Amino acid sequence: MPAAVVTGSGGLVGSEAVRHFVEAGFDVIGLDNDSRATFFGADASTAPVTQRLLERYPHNFRWLDVDVRDGDGVSRAFSRAGAVEIIVHAAAQPSHDWAARDPLADFHINASGTLNLLEAARTYARDATFIQCSTSKVYGDMPNRLPLVAHPTRLDLEPDHPYHHGIDAKMSIDQSLHSLFGVSKAAGDLLAQEYGRYFGMRTGCFRPGCLTGSAHAGTRDHGFLSYLMRCTVRQEPYTIFGHGGLQVRDNLHGADLVAAFHAFHLSPRSGAVYNIGAGRATSCSILEAIELCEEISGRCLKWKLDPTARIGDHKWWISDIRPFRADYPSWKPGFGLRDMLHEIHDANAERWLARA
């Protein structure tokens, strides 16, 4: 039976990857040391998700408590993994603010950790498909230079602008303010590209905007829609940082992202780069997302505006998914924005209220 290695296997993308590839006939080895609890506190722990995966897939999922910064530990895991056909590298430190508090740890996780994975793959699974879960933040604040127009509930581009359908991977990552998180993720992204081009490995870098799903343990620093719905349900105060709440993201369900990974695996390339999301159809501003959360939950959110924007944060991000769909026409997002928010609410509201 073919094997898959998934890092960050208890997180949003990692857990979706475990489910997807087990059900596609793979033995899955998950590397996860629950760093998310260290980053964001007990409410963000991935341990419950890992336990549910072990109970659901007792024969085809094996969890290893491995930190991606531990090169020897990563190498040992690969040496014992069997015939690895795909690696999904989803482990990361995902927060702008946390990165600024501990830049060394952030860089070692996001950059050095990626290097450890690539070297282990080159040594033990050179022909495997390597998926790098990157981020739109590799572009720094370059998207903020777009000629955005303020509408009552969102910022947007005029319909005739080349990026109205979304931003493609031709946007420069140079001469912009990234945040330290954006820099560390860009380093990992470039490493994955280089291993594809220099060593001929099958690598794909996927740069999403906002990812979401019912398994997302959202916190103030990461997990936009999950955290927003949790605050709405539990009547916890919510702070919007900058831009009047008009800032826009497109949102992609973790299961749709993993389906894109699998499509790439079936016909991989070397050093490929894609901006990935669900496009304009699932885009929303914070103000628009608040309205939807209130409608779905039947509760009113208590929020305030802090006029200070997060450093390097995007005012507007919609992914141009046309290049990926041109290369992989069988893939298309299955979840709409309202679908995602309903799923988050229905899967978590009872538990959130019990802890309130």
Protein backbone atom coordinates (compact mmCIF):
# COMPACT_ATOMS: atom_id res chain seq x y z
CA MET A 1 0.00 0.00 0.00
CA PRO A 2 1.39 3.47 -0.84
CA ALA A 3 2.30 5.79 2.01
CA ALA A 4 1.75 9.50 2.58
CA VAL A 5 3.54 11.73 5.09
CA VAL A 6 1.54 14.64 6.48
CA THR A 7 3.13 17.24 8.75
CA GLY A 8 0.91 19.23 11.07
CA SER A 9 -1.47 16.26 10.86
CA GLY A 10 -3.70 17.49 13.67
CA GLY A 11 -4.23 20.94 12.16
CA LEU A 12 -6.87 22.12 9.73
CA VAL A 13 -5.11 21.22 6.48
CA GLY A 14 -3.17 18.30 7.94
CA SER A 15 -6.23 16.56 9.36
CA GLU A 16 -8.11 17.02 6.08
CA ALA A 17 -5.10 15.51 4.30
CA VAL A 18 -5.06 12.51 6.66
CA ARG A 19 -8.74 11.81 6.05
CA HIS A 20 -8.48 12.33 2.31
CA PHE A 21 -5.47 10.13 1.70
CA VAL A 22 -6.48 7.33 4.06
CA GLU A 23 -9.80 7.13 2.26
CA ALA A 24 -7.94 7.22 -1.07
CA GLY A 25 -6.06 4.05 -0.09
CA PHE A 26 -2.86 5.37 1.52
CA ASP A 27 -1.18 4.49 4.78
CA VAL A 28 -0.65 7.90 6.37
CA ILE A 29 2.14 8.87 8.77
CA GLY A 30 1.34 12.09 10.61
CA LEU A 31 4.04 14.28 12.18
CA ASP A 32 2.58 16.65 14.76
CA ASN A 33 3.83 17.83 18.16
CA ASP A 34 0.82 20.06 19.00
CA SER A 35 2.84 23.25 18.72
CA ARG A 36 -0.41 25.12 18.10
CA ALA A 37 -1.22 24.79 21.82
CA THR A 38 2.16 26.40 22.56
CA PHE A 39 1.51 29.21 20.09
CA PHE A 40 -2.08 30.05 21.00
CA GLY A 41 -3.09 28.27 24.22
CA ALA A 42 -5.10 25.21 25.19
CA ASP A 43 -8.17 26.13 23.11
CA ALA A 44 -6.02 25.83 19.97
CA SER A 45 -4.60 22.38 20.79
CA THR A 46 -4.61 19.85 17.95
CA ALA A 47 -4.47 16.89 20.37
CA PRO A 48 -8.25 16.19 20.26
CA VAL A 49 -8.20 16.09 16.46
CA THR A 50 -5.23 13.73 16.48
CA GLN A 51 -7.03 11.43 18.91
CA ARG A 52 -10.16 11.36 16.74
CA LEU A 53 -8.07 10.49 13.69
CA LEU A 54 -6.37 7.63 15.55
CA GLU A 55 -9.75 6.27 16.64
CA ARG A 56 -11.28 6.61 13.17
CA TYR A 57 -8.33 5.12 11.27
CA PRO A 58 -6.63 2.67 13.68
CA HIS A 59 -5.02 0.63 10.89
CA ASN A 60 -4.07 3.26 8.30
CA PHE A 61 -2.99 6.29 10.33
CA ARG A 62 0.12 6.43 12.47
CA TRP A 63 0.93 9.53 14.52
CA LEU A 64 4.49 10.48 15.46
CA ASP A 65 5.27 13.20 17.99
CA VAL A 66 7.91 14.89 15.82
CA ASP A 67 8.88 18.55 15.61
CA VAL A 68 9.82 19.55 12.05
CA ARG A 69 12.80 21.46 13.51
CA ASP A 70 14.27 18.11 14.58
CA GLY A 71 16.11 17.06 11.44
CA ASP A 72 17.16 13.70 12.88
CA GLY A 73 13.61 12.94 14.00
CA VAL A 74 12.21 13.84 10.59
CA SER A 75 14.84 11.70 8.86
CA ARG A 76 14.05 8.70 11.10
CA ALA A 77 10.35 9.03 10.35
CA PHE A 78 11.00 8.97 6.60
CA SER A 79 13.44 6.07 6.82
CA ARG A 80 10.71 3.94 8.42
CA ALA A 81 7.74 5.19 6.42
CA GLY A 82 7.85 2.72 3.56
CA ALA A 83 7.02 3.62 -0.04
CA VAL A 84 6.13 7.30 0.34
CA GLU A 85 4.33 8.68 -2.71
CA ILE A 86 3.19 12.06 -1.41
CA ILE A 87 4.30 14.48 1.31
CA VAL A 88 1.93 17.21 2.48
CA HIS A 89 3.90 19.76 4.48
CA ALA A 90 1.25 21.64 6.44
CA ALA A 91 3.10 22.19 9.74
CA ALA A 92 3.84 25.86 10.37
CA GLN A 93 3.90 28.76 12.74
CA PRO A 94 1.01 30.68 11.14
CA SER A 95 0.75 34.04 12.90
CA HIS A 96 2.13 37.51 12.07
CA ASP A 97 2.00 38.58 15.70
CA TRP A 98 3.55 35.43 17.17
CA ALA A 99 6.43 35.63 14.68
CA ALA A 100 7.28 39.13 15.89
CA ARG A 101 7.40 37.87 19.48
CA ASP A 102 9.82 35.02 18.68
CA PRO A 103 11.45 35.50 15.26
CA LEU A 104 14.02 32.73 15.75
CA ALA A 105 11.44 30.06 16.53
CA ASP A 106 9.21 31.27 13.69
CA PHE A 107 12.04 31.03 11.14
CA HIS A 108 13.27 27.66 12.37
CA ILE A 109 9.76 26.19 12.11
CA ASN A 110 8.73 27.67 8.77
CA ALA A 111 12.07 27.74 6.93
CA SER A 112 14.45 25.28 8.58
CA GLY A 113 11.59 22.83 9.17
CA THR A 114 10.79 22.90 5.47
CA LEU A 115 14.45 22.28 4.64
CA ASN A 116 14.47 19.26 6.96
CA LEU A 117 11.42 17.84 5.18
CA LEU A 118 12.86 18.45 1.71
CA GLU A 119 16.17 16.81 2.60
CA ALA A 120 14.42 13.78 4.10
CA ALA A 121 12.27 13.53 0.99
CA ARG A 122 15.32 13.82 -1.28
CA THR A 123 17.06 11.05 0.65
CA TYR A 124 14.22 8.59 1.21
CA ALA A 125 11.40 9.53 -1.20
CA ARG A 126 12.94 11.41 -4.09
CA ASP A 127 10.18 10.47 -6.53
CA ALA A 128 7.38 11.45 -4.18
CA THR A 129 5.19 14.50 -4.73
CA PHE A 130 6.11 17.24 -2.26
CA ILE A 131 3.30 19.68 -1.41
CA GLN A 132 4.40 22.91 0.25
CA CYS A 133 1.51 24.61 2.05
CA SER A 134 2.61 28.20 1.52
CA THR A 135 0.65 31.45 1.90
CA SER A 136 -0.40 34.59 0.09
CA LYS A 137 1.71 36.46 2.68
CA VAL A 138 4.82 35.70 0.60
CA TYR A 139 3.78 38.75 -1.46
CA GLY A 140 4.13 41.02 1.56
CA ASP A 141 2.06 44.18 1.34
CA MET A 142 2.36 44.35 -2.47
CA PRO A 143 -1.42 43.76 -2.87
CA ASN A 144 -2.02 46.93 -0.83
CA ARG A 145 -0.66 48.98 -3.74
CA LEU A 146 -3.59 47.97 -5.92
CA PRO A 147 -6.08 50.78 -6.74
CA LEU A 148 -8.73 49.65 -4.29
CA VAL A 149 -12.05 51.44 -4.08
CA ALA A 150 -13.96 51.68 -0.79
CA HIS A 151 -17.55 50.44 -0.99
CA PRO A 152 -19.98 50.45 1.98
CA THR A 153 -19.00 46.94 3.17
CA ARG A 154 -15.71 46.15 1.39
CA LEU A 155 -12.70 47.30 -0.56
CA ASP A 156 -12.61 46.13 -4.15
CA LEU A 157 -11.07 46.57 -7.57
CA GLU A 158 -12.89 47.97 -10.55
CA PRO A 159 -14.26 45.25 -12.88
CA ASP A 160 -11.83 46.15 -15.67
CA HIS A 161 -8.71 45.74 -13.51
CA PRO A 162 -6.50 42.76 -14.52
CA TYR A 163 -6.66 41.39 -10.96
CA HIS A 164 -10.43 41.75 -10.55
CA HIS A 165 -10.74 37.96 -10.90
CA GLY A 166 -7.90 37.48 -8.44
CA ILE A 167 -4.15 37.85 -8.03
CA ASP A 168 -1.92 35.45 -9.93
CA ALA A 169 1.57 34.17 -9.07
CA LYS A 170 3.24 36.72 -11.34
CA MET A 171 2.94 39.38 -8.62
CA SER A 172 6.39 40.27 -7.28
CA ILE A 173 7.41 39.25 -3.78
CA ASP A 174 10.23 41.85 -3.75
CA GLN A 175 10.38 45.43 -2.43
CA SER A 176 7.52 44.98 0.01
CA LEU A 177 6.89 44.70 3.75
CA HIS A 178 6.18 41.08 4.59
CA SER A 179 6.07 40.67 8.38
CA LEU A 180 8.55 38.17 9.80
CA PHE A 181 6.01 35.40 9.28
CA GLY A 182 5.76 36.30 5.60
CA VAL A 183 9.56 36.14 5.30
CA SER A 184 9.88 32.74 6.95
CA LYS A 185 7.10 31.31 4.80
CA ALA A 186 8.66 32.83 1.67
CA ALA A 187 11.94 31.10 2.55
CA GLY A 188 10.21 27.73 2.81
CA ASP A 189 8.32 28.42 -0.42
CA LEU A 190 11.54 29.24 -2.32
CA LEU A 191 13.28 26.17 -0.90
CA ALA A 192 10.49 23.92 -2.19
CA GLN A 193 10.66 25.57 -5.60
CA GLU A 194 14.44 25.19 -5.71
CA TYR A 195 14.40 21.51 -4.77
CA GLY A 196 11.98 21.04 -7.64
CA ARG A 197 14.05 22.92 -10.19
CA TYR A 198 17.59 22.08 -8.99
CA PHE A 199 17.10 18.44 -7.99
CA GLY A 200 14.22 17.65 -10.33
CA MET A 201 11.88 16.75 -7.49
CA ARG A 202 8.11 16.96 -7.92
CA THR A 203 7.27 19.99 -5.81
CA GLY A 204 4.22 22.23 -5.74
CA CYS A 205 3.86 25.43 -3.71
CA PHE A 206 0.28 26.40 -2.96
CA ARG A 207 -0.34 29.98 -1.79
CA PRO A 208 -3.81 30.35 -0.26
CA GLY A 209 -5.46 33.35 1.34
CA CYS A 210 -7.74 32.22 4.19
CA LEU A 211 -8.29 28.53 4.86
CA THR A 212 -11.15 27.28 6.98
CA GLY A 213 -13.31 24.33 8.01
CA SER A 214 -14.99 22.86 11.04
CA ALA A 215 -11.69 21.37 12.30
CA HIS A 216 -10.02 24.78 12.52
CA ALA A 217 -9.13 25.73 16.10
CA GLY A 218 -9.38 29.46 15.44
CA THR A 219 -7.73 32.00 17.72
CA ARG A 220 -7.27 35.77 17.75
CA ASP A 221 -3.97 35.45 15.89
CA HIS A 222 -5.00 32.84 13.33
CA GLY A 223 -8.14 31.23 11.93
CA PHE A 224 -10.31 34.13 10.76
CA LEU A 225 -13.74 32.57 10.15
CA SER A 226 -13.54 29.96 12.91
CA TYR A 227 -12.51 32.52 15.52
CA LEU A 228 -15.11 35.02 14.32
CA MET A 229 -17.90 32.44 14.58
CA ARG A 230 -16.67 31.35 18.01
CA CYS A 231 -16.73 34.92 19.27
CA THR A 232 -20.22 35.40 17.88
CA VAL A 233 -21.56 32.20 19.45
CA ARG A 234 -19.89 32.75 22.83
CA GLN A 235 -20.57 36.49 22.92
CA GLU A 236 -16.87 37.21 23.26
CA PRO A 237 -15.62 40.65 22.19
CA TYR A 238 -13.97 40.78 18.78
CA THR A 239 -11.43 43.35 17.58
CA ILE A 240 -11.01 44.36 13.95
CA PHE A 241 -7.48 45.60 13.26
CA GLY A 242 -7.34 48.39 10.71
CA HIS A 243 -8.96 49.22 7.37
CA GLY A 244 -12.40 49.78 8.88
CA GLY A 245 -13.31 46.11 8.59
CA LEU A 246 -13.45 46.53 4.81
CA GLN A 247 -10.46 44.25 4.15
CA VAL A 248 -11.29 41.29 1.90
CA ARG A 249 -10.23 37.64 1.72
CA ASP A 250 -11.35 34.72 -0.36
CA ASN A 251 -11.91 31.63 1.74
CA LEU A 252 -11.15 28.02 0.87
CA HIS A 253 -12.28 24.93 2.73
CA GLY A 254 -9.43 22.66 3.82
CA ALA A 255 -11.02 19.69 2.06
CA ASP A 256 -11.05 21.60 -1.24
CA LEU A 257 -7.39 22.51 -0.79
CA VAL A 258 -6.42 18.88 -0.17
CA ALA A 259 -8.40 17.84 -3.25
CA ALA A 260 -6.20 20.28 -5.20
CA PHE A 261 -3.11 18.62 -3.67
CA HIS A 262 -4.33 15.23 -4.87
CA ALA A 263 -5.04 16.54 -8.36
CA PHE A 264 -1.48 17.87 -8.50
CA HIS A 265 -0.12 14.53 -7.25
CA LEU A 266 -1.79 12.67 -10.10
CA SER A 267 0.10 14.82 -12.63
CA PRO A 268 2.94 16.55 -10.75
CA ARG A 269 5.35 19.18 -11.96
CA SER A 270 8.74 20.37 -10.68
CA GLY A 271 8.89 23.72 -8.90
CA ALA A 272 5.24 24.61 -9.59
CA VAL A 273 3.65 27.63 -7.88
CA TYR A 274 -0.07 28.35 -7.64
CA ASN A 275 -2.16 30.93 -5.87
CA ILE A 276 -5.05 28.85 -4.59
CA GLY A 277 -8.42 29.69 -3.11
CA ALA A 278 -12.04 29.61 -4.15
CA GLY A 279 -11.91 32.92 -5.97
CA ARG A 280 -14.31 35.83 -5.85
CA ALA A 281 -17.30 33.57 -5.12
CA THR A 282 -16.16 32.96 -1.52
CA SER A 283 -14.67 36.37 -0.84
CA CYS A 284 -15.90 38.54 2.00
CA SER A 285 -14.84 41.49 4.09
CA ILE A 286 -14.76 41.27 7.88
CA LEU A 287 -17.96 43.33 8.05
CA GLU A 288 -19.67 40.96 5.61
CA ALA A 289 -18.43 37.92 7.54
CA ILE A 290 -19.76 39.37 10.80
CA GLU A 291 -23.20 39.79 9.25
CA LEU A 292 -23.20 36.16 8.08
CA CYS A 293 -22.02 34.85 11.45
CA GLU A 294 -24.77 36.77 13.22
CA GLU A 295 -27.39 35.49 10.78
CA ILE A 296 -26.31 31.84 11.07
CA SER A 297 -25.85 31.84 14.87
CA GLY A 298 -28.84 34.05 15.72
CA ARG A 299 -26.58 36.12 17.98
CA CYS A 300 -25.08 39.60 17.80
CA LEU A 301 -21.31 40.03 17.89
CA LYS A 302 -19.77 42.63 20.16
CA TRP A 303 -16.93 44.11 18.17
CA LYS A 304 -14.70 47.17 18.13
CA LEU A 305 -12.28 48.70 15.66
CA ASP A 306 -8.60 49.19 16.43
CA PRO A 307 -7.39 51.57 13.69
CA THR A 308 -3.87 50.06 13.77
CA ALA A 309 -3.54 47.43 11.03
CA ARG A 310 -1.33 44.41 11.51
CA ILE A 311 2.09 44.87 9.93
CA GLY A 312 2.19 43.47 6.41
CA ASP A 313 -1.49 42.55 6.45
CA HIS A 314 -3.40 42.57 3.19
CA LYS A 315 -6.23 44.98 2.54
CA TRP A 316 -7.51 42.76 -0.25
CA TRP A 317 -6.74 39.24 -1.34
CA ILE A 318 -8.61 37.13 -3.86
CA SER A 319 -6.75 34.25 -5.50
CA ASP A 320 -6.74 33.86 -9.25
CA ILE A 321 -7.43 30.13 -9.50
CA ARG A 322 -7.62 30.09 -13.30
CA PRO A 323 -3.96 28.98 -13.79
CA PHE A 324 -4.43 25.96 -11.50
CA ARG A 325 -7.74 25.05 -13.10
CA ALA A 326 -6.19 25.33 -16.55
CA ASP A 327 -3.55 22.76 -15.53
CA TYR A 328 -5.98 20.63 -13.47
CA PRO A 329 -9.45 21.13 -14.95
CA SER A 330 -11.05 18.32 -12.92
CA TRP A 331 -10.64 20.37 -9.71
CA LYS A 332 -13.09 22.98 -8.52
CA PRO A 333 -14.03 24.22 -5.02
CA GLY A 334 -17.03 22.45 -3.55
CA PHE A 335 -17.81 24.69 -0.56
CA GLY A 336 -19.43 28.10 -0.75
CA LEU A 337 -18.88 30.75 1.91
CA ARG A 338 -22.24 30.17 3.59
CA ASP A 339 -21.63 26.38 3.51
CA MET A 340 -18.33 26.83 5.33
CA LEU A 341 -19.77 29.07 8.02
CA HIS A 342 -22.74 26.74 8.59
CA GLU A 343 -20.37 23.80 8.96
CA ILE A 344 -18.16 25.66 11.44
CA HIS A 345 -21.19 26.69 13.49
CA ASP A 346 -22.99 23.34 13.46
CA ALA A 347 -19.87 21.32 14.32
CA ASN A 348 -18.69 23.55 17.17
CA ALA A 349 -21.47 25.70 18.67
CA GLU A 350 -22.56 23.21 21.33
CA ARG A 351 -18.98 22.61 22.49
CA TRP A 352 -18.16 26.33 22.48
CA LEU A 353 -21.20 27.15 24.60
CA ALA A 354 -20.38 24.34 27.04
CA ARG A 355 -16.96 25.94 27.63
CA ALA A 356 -18.24 29.49 27.85
